[in-house]
Amino acid sequence: MATTDRQATTLALAHALSAAERGLAVIPLSRTKLPALRSPHRDDPSTPPCHGECGRLGHGVYDAATDPDRIRELFAAAPWATGYGIACGLPPHHLIGIDLDTKSGTDSSAALRELALRHLFTIPDTVVVLTPSGGRHLWLSGPPDVVVPNSAGRLAPGIDIRGAGGYLVGPGSRTDHGAYATAPGTAHLAPAACPPALLRLLLPPPRSHHPTPSSTGGHGQGLVQFVLAAHEGQRNTRLFWAACRAYEDGIGPALVDPLVEAALNTGLTEREARATIASAARMTGHRP
């Protein structure tokens, strides 16, 4: 059994390194499909939220890397890993995963086809990963300045979405229920661009309440802190998400300068920051 696990770990590492060569950031997963490395803060519930700022391993998708040496370090720290996860929402692909499940008793593929007919879009040829339960993961690529959130069943019953902060089990992974594999004829493909009509369905609807913009309050400060905590590769994504929330809450204009200042502290240029915030304003129906 130990030899089998070692072979599974070796294969998972090889598949993870291959995915990283395509620009996909990866983390090791256990047989349960959860991140193989446990949080270093698990025994201290009073620790403030940490996304890897402490420098230790065990922060889930925030550990995701494309650097081969870093990936080997992650797998060396988790010799029980038998699979790997691919982080969504990160450059260069800004991956969006459409998870068509079979466990809910609904025909998720038919539900997606119905959505496509109703909203006039077509799913392009793209990477398809077959799951042990008979489901499918469709890989799509999103725009760099749009944050797609994770959701379960919101688009339609049996359809889960893996977006920013989420991950997909990579092909070649082995779990308690079997192996994940790329569907025939799709392994050579790059993630196709998400159709705009589908992308609109994946974004959360604007909130209806509008606090006075003259005072950002604690929520505004929280959005600023969210941007300040961004790592390289997350900066534009976090800034766009925070700016969208600010405009939806009616505090967008008042929060532009604080968000720009926070973005500058993470390493973005002022031009990049203001362009991202302006894009968020347009996406939420406001004038930049």
C-alpha atoms as a PDB file:
ATOM      1  CA  MET A   1       0.000   0.000   0.000  1.00  0.00           C
ATOM      2  CA  ALA A   2       2.838   2.373   0.899  1.00  0.00           C
ATOM      3  CA  THR A   3       4.521   1.656  -2.450  1.00  0.00           C
ATOM      4  CA  THR A   4       1.251   2.375  -4.264  1.00  0.00           C
ATOM      5  CA  ASP A   5       0.898   5.674  -2.438  1.00  0.00           C
ATOM      6  CA  ARG A   6       4.484   6.635  -3.280  1.00  0.00           C
ATOM      7  CA  GLN A   7       3.831   5.852  -6.937  1.00  0.00           C
ATOM      8  CA  ALA A   8       0.625   7.921  -6.836  1.00  0.00           C
ATOM      9  CA  THR A   9       2.540  10.822  -5.267  1.00  0.00           C
ATOM     10  CA  THR A  10       5.283  10.605  -7.888  1.00  0.00           C
ATOM     11  CA  LEU A  11       2.702  10.586 -10.690  1.00  0.00           C
ATOM     12  CA  ALA A  12       0.772  13.475  -9.119  1.00  0.00           C
ATOM     13  CA  LEU A  13       3.953  15.538  -8.898  1.00  0.00           C
ATOM     14  CA  ALA A  14       4.772  14.782 -12.545  1.00  0.00           C
ATOM     15  CA  HIS A  15       1.279  15.825 -13.659  1.00  0.00           C
ATOM     16  CA  ALA A  16       1.447  18.956 -11.483  1.00  0.00           C
ATOM     17  CA  LEU A  17       4.791  19.984 -12.995  1.00  0.00           C
ATOM     18  CA  SER A  18       3.360  19.416 -16.480  1.00  0.00           C
ATOM     19  CA  ALA A  19       0.363  21.637 -15.642  1.00  0.00           C
ATOM     20  CA  ALA A  20       2.689  24.320 -14.309  1.00  0.00           C
ATOM     21  CA  GLU A  21       4.522  24.348 -17.647  1.00  0.00           C
ATOM     22  CA  ARG A  22       1.191  25.472 -19.160  1.00  0.00           C
ATOM     23  CA  GLY A  23       1.007  28.378 -16.708  1.00  0.00           C
ATOM     24  CA  LEU A  24      -1.368  26.673 -14.255  1.00  0.00           C
ATOM     25  CA  ALA A  25      -0.600  27.224 -10.554  1.00  0.00           C
ATOM     26  CA  VAL A  26      -0.912  24.019  -8.511  1.00  0.00           C
ATOM     27  CA  ILE A  27      -1.062  22.644  -4.959  1.00  0.00           C
ATOM     28  CA  PRO A  28      -0.834  19.036  -3.677  1.00  0.00           C
ATOM     29  CA  LEU A  29      -4.116  17.335  -2.759  1.00  0.00           C
ATOM     30  CA  SER A  30      -4.881  14.342  -0.540  1.00  0.00           C
ATOM     31  CA  ARG A  31      -7.066  11.400  -1.561  1.00  0.00           C
ATOM     32  CA  THR A  32     -10.051  13.329  -0.169  1.00  0.00           C
ATOM     33  CA  LYS A  33      -9.498  16.091  -2.772  1.00  0.00           C
ATOM     34  CA  LEU A  34      -8.653  18.543   0.037  1.00  0.00           C
ATOM     35  CA  PRO A  35      -5.325  20.430   0.213  1.00  0.00           C
ATOM     36  CA  ALA A  36      -2.733  17.949   1.462  1.00  0.00           C
ATOM     37  CA  LEU A  37      -1.034  20.452   3.774  1.00  0.00           C
ATOM     38  CA  ARG A  38      -2.960  21.464   6.881  1.00  0.00           C
ATOM     39  CA  SER A  39      -3.062  25.068   8.036  1.00  0.00           C
ATOM     40  CA  PRO A  40      -0.214  26.051  10.376  1.00  0.00           C
ATOM     41  CA  HIS A  41      -2.797  28.113  12.294  1.00  0.00           C
ATOM     42  CA  ARG A  42      -5.257  25.275  12.931  1.00  0.00           C
ATOM     43  CA  ASP A  43      -4.439  25.102  16.658  1.00  0.00           C
ATOM     44  CA  ASP A  44      -4.724  28.855  17.214  1.00  0.00           C
ATOM     45  CA  PRO A  45      -8.248  30.072  16.327  1.00  0.00           C
ATOM     46  CA  SER A  46      -7.380  33.590  17.482  1.00  0.00           C
ATOM     47  CA  THR A  47      -4.901  34.039  14.607  1.00  0.00           C
ATOM     48  CA  PRO A  48      -6.041  36.736  12.133  1.00  0.00           C
ATOM     49  CA  PRO A  49      -6.859  35.486   8.614  1.00  0.00           C
ATOM     50  CA  CYS A  50      -3.615  34.536   6.872  1.00  0.00           C
ATOM     51  CA  HIS A  51      -3.180  33.792   3.189  1.00  0.00           C
ATOM     52  CA  GLY A  52       0.470  32.841   3.447  1.00  0.00           C
ATOM     53  CA  GLU A  53       1.836  36.104   4.784  1.00  0.00           C
ATOM     54  CA  CYS A  54       3.411  34.126   7.658  1.00  0.00           C
ATOM     55  CA  GLY A  55       5.747  32.422   5.185  1.00  0.00           C
ATOM     56  CA  ARG A  56       4.744  28.859   6.143  1.00  0.00           C
ATOM     57  CA  LEU A  57       3.055  26.237   3.991  1.00  0.00           C
ATOM     58  CA  GLY A  58      -0.516  25.103   4.461  1.00  0.00           C
ATOM     59  CA  HIS A  59      -2.679  27.952   3.152  1.00  0.00           C
ATOM     60  CA  GLY A  60      -4.568  25.964   0.570  1.00  0.00           C
ATOM     61  CA  VAL A  61      -4.986  27.615  -2.788  1.00  0.00           C
ATOM     62  CA  TYR A  62      -2.844  30.549  -1.631  1.00  0.00           C
ATOM     63  CA  ASP A  63       0.156  28.182  -1.777  1.00  0.00           C
ATOM     64  CA  ALA A  64      -0.449  27.556  -5.488  1.00  0.00           C
ATOM     65  CA  ALA A  65       2.683  27.927  -7.597  1.00  0.00           C
ATOM     66  CA  THR A  66       4.004  27.508 -11.116  1.00  0.00           C
ATOM     67  CA  ASP A  67       7.671  27.493 -10.081  1.00  0.00           C
ATOM     68  CA  PRO A  68       8.977  23.897 -10.296  1.00  0.00           C
ATOM     69  CA  ASP A  69      11.191  24.205  -7.213  1.00  0.00           C
ATOM     70  CA  ARG A  70       8.294  25.561  -5.160  1.00  0.00           C
ATOM     71  CA  ILE A  71       6.018  22.750  -6.383  1.00  0.00           C
ATOM     72  CA  ARG A  72       8.601  20.125  -5.415  1.00  0.00           C
ATOM     73  CA  GLU A  73       8.867  21.783  -1.996  1.00  0.00           C
ATOM     74  CA  LEU A  74       5.082  21.570  -1.555  1.00  0.00           C
ATOM     75  CA  PHE A  75       4.982  17.881  -2.518  1.00  0.00           C
ATOM     76  CA  ALA A  76       8.025  17.082  -0.369  1.00  0.00           C
ATOM     77  CA  ALA A  77       6.121  18.529   2.602  1.00  0.00           C
ATOM     78  CA  ALA A  78       3.092  16.347   1.711  1.00  0.00           C
ATOM     79  CA  PRO A  79       4.430  12.889   0.742  1.00  0.00           C
ATOM     80  CA  TRP A  80       0.918  11.471   1.172  1.00  0.00           C
ATOM     81  CA  ALA A  81      -0.466  13.634  -1.669  1.00  0.00           C
ATOM     82  CA  THR A  82      -1.976  11.623  -4.518  1.00  0.00           C
ATOM     83  CA  GLY A  83      -3.306  14.479  -6.606  1.00  0.00           C
ATOM     84  CA  TYR A  84      -3.016  18.151  -7.315  1.00  0.00           C
ATOM     85  CA  GLY A  85      -5.329  21.114  -7.480  1.00  0.00           C
ATOM     86  CA  ILE A  86      -5.233  23.854 -10.119  1.00  0.00           C
ATOM     87  CA  ALA A  87      -5.927  27.335  -8.752  1.00  0.00           C
ATOM     88  CA  CYS A  88      -8.604  29.281 -10.606  1.00  0.00           C
ATOM     89  CA  GLY A  89      -8.675  32.994 -11.355  1.00  0.00           C
ATOM     90  CA  LEU A  90      -4.906  33.450 -11.681  1.00  0.00           C
ATOM     91  CA  PRO A  91      -2.964  34.708 -14.722  1.00  0.00           C
ATOM     92  CA  PRO A  92      -2.268  33.881 -17.466  1.00  0.00           C
ATOM     93  CA  HIS A  93      -5.465  31.849 -18.028  1.00  0.00           C
ATOM     94  CA  HIS A  94      -7.714  33.282 -15.236  1.00  0.00           C
ATOM     95  CA  LEU A  95      -9.249  29.822 -15.143  1.00  0.00           C
ATOM     96  CA  ILE A  96     -12.989  29.324 -14.581  1.00  0.00           C
ATOM     97  CA  GLY A  97     -14.162  25.788 -13.894  1.00  0.00           C
ATOM     98  CA  ILE A  98     -17.664  24.639 -14.836  1.00  0.00           C
ATOM     99  CA  ASP A  99     -18.273  21.549 -12.700  1.00  0.00           C
ATOM    100  CA  LEU A 100     -21.073  19.409 -14.146  1.00  0.00           C
ATOM    101  CA  ASP A 101     -21.961  17.092 -11.282  1.00  0.00           C
ATOM    102  CA  THR A 102     -23.880  13.833 -11.431  1.00  0.00           C
ATOM    103  CA  LYS A 103     -24.531  13.314  -7.722  1.00  0.00           C
ATOM    104  CA  SER A 104     -27.526  15.631  -7.399  1.00  0.00           C
ATOM    105  CA  GLY A 105     -29.805  13.442  -9.500  1.00  0.00           C
ATOM    106  CA  THR A 106     -30.185  16.203 -12.102  1.00  0.00           C
ATOM    107  CA  ASP A 107     -28.896  16.269 -15.669  1.00  0.00           C
ATOM    108  CA  SER A 108     -26.383  19.089 -15.324  1.00  0.00           C
ATOM    109  CA  SER A 109     -25.248  18.800 -18.949  1.00  0.00           C
ATOM    110  CA  ALA A 110     -28.846  19.298 -20.124  1.00  0.00           C
ATOM    111  CA  ALA A 111     -29.193  22.251 -17.744  1.00  0.00           C
ATOM    112  CA  LEU A 112     -26.111  23.873 -19.271  1.00  0.00           C
ATOM    113  CA  ARG A 113     -27.444  23.298 -22.808  1.00  0.00           C
ATOM    114  CA  GLU A 114     -30.749  24.903 -21.782  1.00  0.00           C
ATOM    115  CA  LEU A 115     -28.923  27.928 -20.387  1.00  0.00           C
ATOM    116  CA  ALA A 116     -26.942  28.195 -23.609  1.00  0.00           C
ATOM    117  CA  LEU A 117     -30.107  28.165 -25.716  1.00  0.00           C
ATOM    118  CA  ARG A 118     -31.880  30.652 -23.480  1.00  0.00           C
ATOM    119  CA  HIS A 119     -28.995  33.116 -23.268  1.00  0.00           C
ATOM    120  CA  LEU A 120     -27.645  32.595 -26.790  1.00  0.00           C
ATOM    121  CA  PHE A 121     -24.129  31.321 -26.146  1.00  0.00           C
ATOM    122  CA  THR A 122     -22.149  28.275 -27.224  1.00  0.00           C
ATOM    123  CA  ILE A 123     -19.618  26.395 -25.126  1.00  0.00           C
ATOM    124  CA  PRO A 124     -16.432  26.439 -27.219  1.00  0.00           C
ATOM    125  CA  ASP A 125     -14.051  23.534 -27.674  1.00  0.00           C
ATOM    126  CA  THR A 126     -11.945  23.475 -24.538  1.00  0.00           C
ATOM    127  CA  VAL A 127     -10.244  21.245 -21.985  1.00  0.00           C
ATOM    128  CA  VAL A 128     -12.672  18.728 -20.434  1.00  0.00           C
ATOM    129  CA  VAL A 129     -11.703  16.655 -17.399  1.00  0.00           C
ATOM    130  CA  LEU A 130     -13.678  13.496 -16.573  1.00  0.00           C
ATOM    131  CA  THR A 131     -14.326  12.843 -12.879  1.00  0.00           C
ATOM    132  CA  PRO A 132     -14.561   9.418 -11.183  1.00  0.00           C
ATOM    133  CA  SER A 133     -18.284   9.940 -10.489  1.00  0.00           C
ATOM    134  CA  GLY A 134     -19.081  10.454 -14.180  1.00  0.00           C
ATOM    135  CA  GLY A 135     -19.112  14.246 -14.058  1.00  0.00           C
ATOM    136  CA  ARG A 136     -17.144  16.698 -16.169  1.00  0.00           C
ATOM    137  CA  HIS A 137     -15.078  19.796 -15.529  1.00  0.00           C
ATOM    138  CA  LEU A 138     -15.030  22.341 -18.369  1.00  0.00           C
ATOM    139  CA  TRP A 139     -12.072  24.731 -18.331  1.00  0.00           C
ATOM    140  CA  LEU A 140     -12.717  28.278 -19.528  1.00  0.00           C
ATOM    141  CA  SER A 141     -10.576  31.391 -19.495  1.00  0.00           C
ATOM    142  CA  GLY A 142     -11.877  34.652 -18.035  1.00  0.00           C
ATOM    143  CA  PRO A 143     -10.878  38.282 -18.629  1.00  0.00           C
ATOM    144  CA  PRO A 144      -7.977  39.469 -16.445  1.00  0.00           C
ATOM    145  CA  ASP A 145      -9.989  42.250 -14.786  1.00  0.00           C
ATOM    146  CA  VAL A 146     -13.126  40.253 -13.896  1.00  0.00           C
ATOM    147  CA  VAL A 147     -13.461  38.237 -10.683  1.00  0.00           C
ATOM    148  CA  VAL A 148     -15.720  35.182 -11.010  1.00  0.00           C
ATOM    149  CA  PRO A 149     -16.798  33.922  -7.563  1.00  0.00           C
ATOM    150  CA  ASN A 150     -17.205  30.303  -6.527  1.00  0.00           C
ATOM    151  CA  SER A 151     -20.770  29.026  -6.354  1.00  0.00           C
ATOM    152  CA  ALA A 152     -22.663  25.762  -5.904  1.00  0.00           C
ATOM    153  CA  GLY A 153     -25.913  25.259  -7.778  1.00  0.00           C
ATOM    154  CA  ARG A 154     -26.503  28.984  -8.284  1.00  0.00           C
ATOM    155  CA  LEU A 155     -26.231  28.809 -12.078  1.00  0.00           C
ATOM    156  CA  ALA A 156     -28.412  25.672 -12.227  1.00  0.00           C
ATOM    157  CA  PRO A 157     -28.881  22.526 -10.128  1.00  0.00           C
ATOM    158  CA  GLY A 158     -25.857  20.271 -10.423  1.00  0.00           C
ATOM    159  CA  ILE A 159     -23.603  23.004 -11.821  1.00  0.00           C
ATOM    160  CA  ASP A 160     -20.870  24.325  -9.532  1.00  0.00           C
ATOM    161  CA  ILE A 161     -18.499  27.122 -10.467  1.00  0.00           C
ATOM    162  CA  ARG A 162     -14.842  27.289  -9.483  1.00  0.00           C
ATOM    163  CA  GLY A 163     -13.560  30.843  -9.665  1.00  0.00           C
ATOM    164  CA  ALA A 164     -11.160  33.105  -7.800  1.00  0.00           C
ATOM    165  CA  GLY A 165     -10.015  31.450  -4.578  1.00  0.00           C
ATOM    166  CA  GLY A 166     -11.155  28.017  -5.746  1.00  0.00           C
ATOM    167  CA  TYR A 167      -9.399  25.106  -7.412  1.00  0.00           C
ATOM    168  CA  LEU A 168     -10.059  22.193  -9.753  1.00  0.00           C
ATOM    169  CA  VAL A 169      -8.743  18.667  -9.256  1.00  0.00           C
ATOM    170  CA  GLY A 170      -6.164  18.213 -11.989  1.00  0.00           C
ATOM    171  CA  PRO A 171      -6.205  15.350 -14.514  1.00  0.00           C
ATOM    172  CA  GLY A 172      -3.971  12.521 -13.385  1.00  0.00           C
ATOM    173  CA  SER A 173      -4.989  12.915  -9.734  1.00  0.00           C
ATOM    174  CA  ARG A 174      -6.084   9.855  -7.775  1.00  0.00           C
ATOM    175  CA  THR A 175      -8.711  10.088  -5.043  1.00  0.00           C
ATOM    176  CA  ASP A 176     -10.648   7.702  -2.803  1.00  0.00           C
ATOM    177  CA  HIS A 177     -13.238   7.435  -5.587  1.00  0.00           C
ATOM    178  CA  GLY A 178     -10.922   6.977  -8.564  1.00  0.00           C
ATOM    179  CA  ALA A 179      -8.837   8.940 -11.028  1.00  0.00           C
ATOM    180  CA  TYR A 180      -9.397  12.190 -12.930  1.00  0.00           C
ATOM    181  CA  ALA A 181      -8.533  12.135 -16.635  1.00  0.00           C
ATOM    182  CA  THR A 182      -8.612  14.508 -19.575  1.00  0.00           C
ATOM    183  CA  ALA A 183     -11.365  13.691 -22.045  1.00  0.00           C
ATOM    184  CA  PRO A 184     -10.093  12.266 -25.353  1.00  0.00           C
ATOM    185  CA  GLY A 185      -9.255  14.956 -27.891  1.00  0.00           C
ATOM    186  CA  THR A 186      -9.095  17.842 -25.409  1.00  0.00           C
ATOM    187  CA  ALA A 187      -5.689  17.456 -23.711  1.00  0.00           C
ATOM    188  CA  HIS A 188      -3.928  19.555 -26.373  1.00  0.00           C
ATOM    189  CA  LEU A 189      -6.393  22.454 -26.070  1.00  0.00           C
ATOM    190  CA  ALA A 190      -5.913  25.647 -24.085  1.00  0.00           C
ATOM    191  CA  PRO A 191      -8.789  26.857 -21.872  1.00  0.00           C
ATOM    192  CA  ALA A 192     -11.185  28.611 -24.266  1.00  0.00           C
ATOM    193  CA  ALA A 193     -12.480  32.119 -23.608  1.00  0.00           C
ATOM    194  CA  CYS A 194     -15.669  32.152 -21.566  1.00  0.00           C
ATOM    195  CA  PRO A 195     -18.584  33.368 -23.725  1.00  0.00           C
ATOM    196  CA  PRO A 196     -19.605  36.894 -22.586  1.00  0.00           C
ATOM    197  CA  ALA A 197     -23.241  35.872 -22.064  1.00  0.00           C
ATOM    198  CA  LEU A 198     -22.167  33.026 -19.780  1.00  0.00           C
ATOM    199  CA  LEU A 199     -19.694  35.278 -17.968  1.00  0.00           C
ATOM    200  CA  ARG A 200     -22.528  37.677 -17.097  1.00  0.00           C
ATOM    201  CA  LEU A 201     -24.455  34.781 -15.555  1.00  0.00           C
ATOM    202  CA  LEU A 202     -21.451  33.818 -13.435  1.00  0.00           C
ATOM    203  CA  LEU A 203     -21.084  37.254 -11.856  1.00  0.00           C
ATOM    204  CA  PRO A 204     -23.114  38.078  -8.721  1.00  0.00           C
ATOM    205  CA  PRO A 205     -26.061  40.463  -9.242  1.00  0.00           C
ATOM    206  CA  PRO A 206     -25.575  44.034  -8.009  1.00  0.00           C
ATOM    207  CA  ARG A 207     -26.741  44.639  -4.481  1.00  0.00           C
ATOM    208  CA  SER A 208     -29.809  46.815  -4.066  1.00  0.00           C
ATOM    209  CA  HIS A 209     -28.897  48.762  -0.928  1.00  0.00           C
ATOM    210  CA  HIS A 210     -26.816  51.919  -1.305  1.00  0.00           C
ATOM    211  CA  PRO A 211     -25.230  53.423   1.824  1.00  0.00           C
ATOM    212  CA  THR A 212     -24.254  57.079   1.553  1.00  0.00           C
ATOM    213  CA  PRO A 213     -20.960  57.439  -0.281  1.00  0.00           C
ATOM    214  CA  SER A 214     -19.731  60.178   2.044  1.00  0.00           C
ATOM    215  CA  SER A 215     -18.550  57.641   4.599  1.00  0.00           C
ATOM    216  CA  THR A 216     -16.912  54.341   3.723  1.00  0.00           C
ATOM    217  CA  GLY A 217     -17.087  53.022   7.280  1.00  0.00           C
ATOM    218  CA  GLY A 218     -15.699  49.681   8.384  1.00  0.00           C
ATOM    219  CA  HIS A 219     -16.766  47.905   5.198  1.00  0.00           C
ATOM    220  CA  GLY A 220     -14.670  50.290   3.110  1.00  0.00           C
ATOM    221  CA  GLN A 221     -11.678  49.723   5.353  1.00  0.00           C
ATOM    222  CA  GLY A 222     -12.181  45.982   5.014  1.00  0.00           C
ATOM    223  CA  LEU A 223     -12.083  46.245   1.213  1.00  0.00           C
ATOM    224  CA  VAL A 224      -8.874  48.283   1.411  1.00  0.00           C
ATOM    225  CA  GLN A 225      -7.304  45.655   3.695  1.00  0.00           C
ATOM    226  CA  PHE A 226      -8.416  42.941   1.273  1.00  0.00           C
ATOM    227  CA  VAL A 227      -6.409  44.653  -1.486  1.00  0.00           C
ATOM    228  CA  LEU A 228      -3.396  45.235   0.777  1.00  0.00           C
ATOM    229  CA  ALA A 229      -3.214  41.499   1.531  1.00  0.00           C
ATOM    230  CA  ALA A 230      -2.853  40.569  -2.165  1.00  0.00           C
ATOM    231  CA  HIS A 231       0.108  38.496  -3.320  1.00  0.00           C
ATOM    232  CA  GLU A 232       1.697  38.853  -6.752  1.00  0.00           C
ATOM    233  CA  GLY A 233      -0.680  37.280  -9.247  1.00  0.00           C
ATOM    234  CA  GLN A 234      -3.718  38.265  -7.151  1.00  0.00           C
ATOM    235  CA  ARG A 235      -3.345  42.039  -7.157  1.00  0.00           C
ATOM    236  CA  ASN A 236      -5.566  42.970 -10.101  1.00  0.00           C
ATOM    237  CA  THR A 237      -8.105  40.287  -9.212  1.00  0.00           C
ATOM    238  CA  ARG A 238      -8.450  41.446  -5.607  1.00  0.00           C
ATOM    239  CA  LEU A 239      -8.563  45.114  -6.607  1.00  0.00           C
ATOM    240  CA  PHE A 240     -11.288  44.473  -9.189  1.00  0.00           C
ATOM    241  CA  TRP A 241     -13.358  42.452  -6.697  1.00  0.00           C
ATOM    242  CA  ALA A 242     -13.026  45.112  -3.974  1.00  0.00           C
ATOM    243  CA  ALA A 243     -13.898  47.917  -6.395  1.00  0.00           C
ATOM    244  CA  CYS A 244     -16.992  46.032  -7.603  1.00  0.00           C
ATOM    245  CA  ARG A 245     -18.178  45.581  -4.012  1.00  0.00           C
ATOM    246  CA  ALA A 246     -17.531  49.269  -3.306  1.00  0.00           C
ATOM    247  CA  TYR A 247     -19.568  50.458  -6.300  1.00  0.00           C
ATOM    248  CA  GLU A 248     -22.378  48.017  -5.543  1.00  0.00           C
ATOM    249  CA  ASP A 249     -22.508  49.395  -1.978  1.00  0.00           C
ATOM    250  CA  GLY A 250     -22.575  53.000  -3.178  1.00  0.00           C
ATOM    251  CA  ILE A 251     -19.141  53.868  -1.766  1.00  0.00           C
ATOM    252  CA  GLY A 252     -17.167  53.437  -4.987  1.00  0.00           C
ATOM    253  CA  PRO A 253     -16.322  57.107  -5.679  1.00  0.00           C
ATOM    254  CA  ALA A 254     -15.282  57.691  -2.058  1.00  0.00           C
ATOM    255  CA  LEU A 255     -13.098  54.585  -2.061  1.00  0.00           C
ATOM    256  CA  VAL A 256     -11.242  55.128  -5.356  1.00  0.00           C
ATOM    257  CA  ASP A 257      -8.241  56.924  -3.846  1.00  0.00           C
ATOM    258  CA  PRO A 258      -7.863  54.567  -0.846  1.00  0.00           C
ATOM    259  CA  LEU A 259      -8.050  51.570  -3.181  1.00  0.00           C
ATOM    260  CA  VAL A 260      -5.480  53.112  -5.537  1.00  0.00           C
ATOM    261  CA  GLU A 261      -3.153  53.777  -2.609  1.00  0.00           C
ATOM    262  CA  ALA A 262      -3.583  50.176  -1.404  1.00  0.00           C
ATOM    263  CA  ALA A 263      -2.893  48.861  -4.916  1.00  0.00           C
ATOM    264  CA  LEU A 264       0.282  50.955  -5.136  1.00  0.00           C
ATOM    265  CA  ASN A 265       1.457  49.326  -1.915  1.00  0.00           C
ATOM    266  CA  THR A 266       1.044  45.872  -3.486  1.00  0.00           C
ATOM    267  CA  GLY A 267       3.197  46.825  -6.476  1.00  0.00           C
ATOM    268  CA  LEU A 268       0.669  47.897  -9.118  1.00  0.00           C
ATOM    269  CA  THR A 269       1.209  51.159 -10.957  1.00  0.00           C
ATOM    270  CA  GLU A 270      -1.299  53.971 -10.564  1.00  0.00           C
ATOM    271  CA  ARG A 271      -2.304  53.582 -14.204  1.00  0.00           C
ATOM    272  CA  GLU A 272      -2.999  49.847 -13.732  1.00  0.00           C
ATOM    273  CA  ALA A 273      -4.929  50.472 -10.519  1.00  0.00           C
ATOM    274  CA  ARG A 274      -7.145  53.211 -11.932  1.00  0.00           C
ATOM    275  CA  ALA A 275      -7.822  51.193 -15.096  1.00  0.00           C
ATOM    276  CA  THR A 276      -8.930  48.190 -13.023  1.00  0.00           C
ATOM    277  CA  ILE A 277     -11.184  50.338 -10.820  1.00  0.00           C
ATOM    278  CA  ALA A 278     -12.683  51.998 -13.896  1.00  0.00           C
ATOM    279  CA  SER A 279     -13.398  48.545 -15.339  1.00  0.00           C
ATOM    280  CA  ALA A 280     -15.160  47.592 -12.092  1.00  0.00           C
ATOM    281  CA  ALA A 281     -17.242  50.746 -12.285  1.00  0.00           C
ATOM    282  CA  ARG A 282     -18.365  49.950 -15.828  1.00  0.00           C
ATOM    283  CA  MET A 283     -19.109  46.307 -14.928  1.00  0.00           C
ATOM    284  CA  THR A 284     -21.412  47.430 -12.103  1.00  0.00           C
ATOM    285  CA  GLY A 285     -23.188  50.034 -14.227  1.00  0.00           C
ATOM    286  CA  HIS A 286     -21.439  53.158 -12.946  1.00  0.00           C
ATOM    287  CA  ARG A 287     -19.425  55.869 -14.630  1.00  0.00           C
ATOM    288  CA  PRO A 288     -15.717  55.663 -13.781  1.00  0.00           C
END
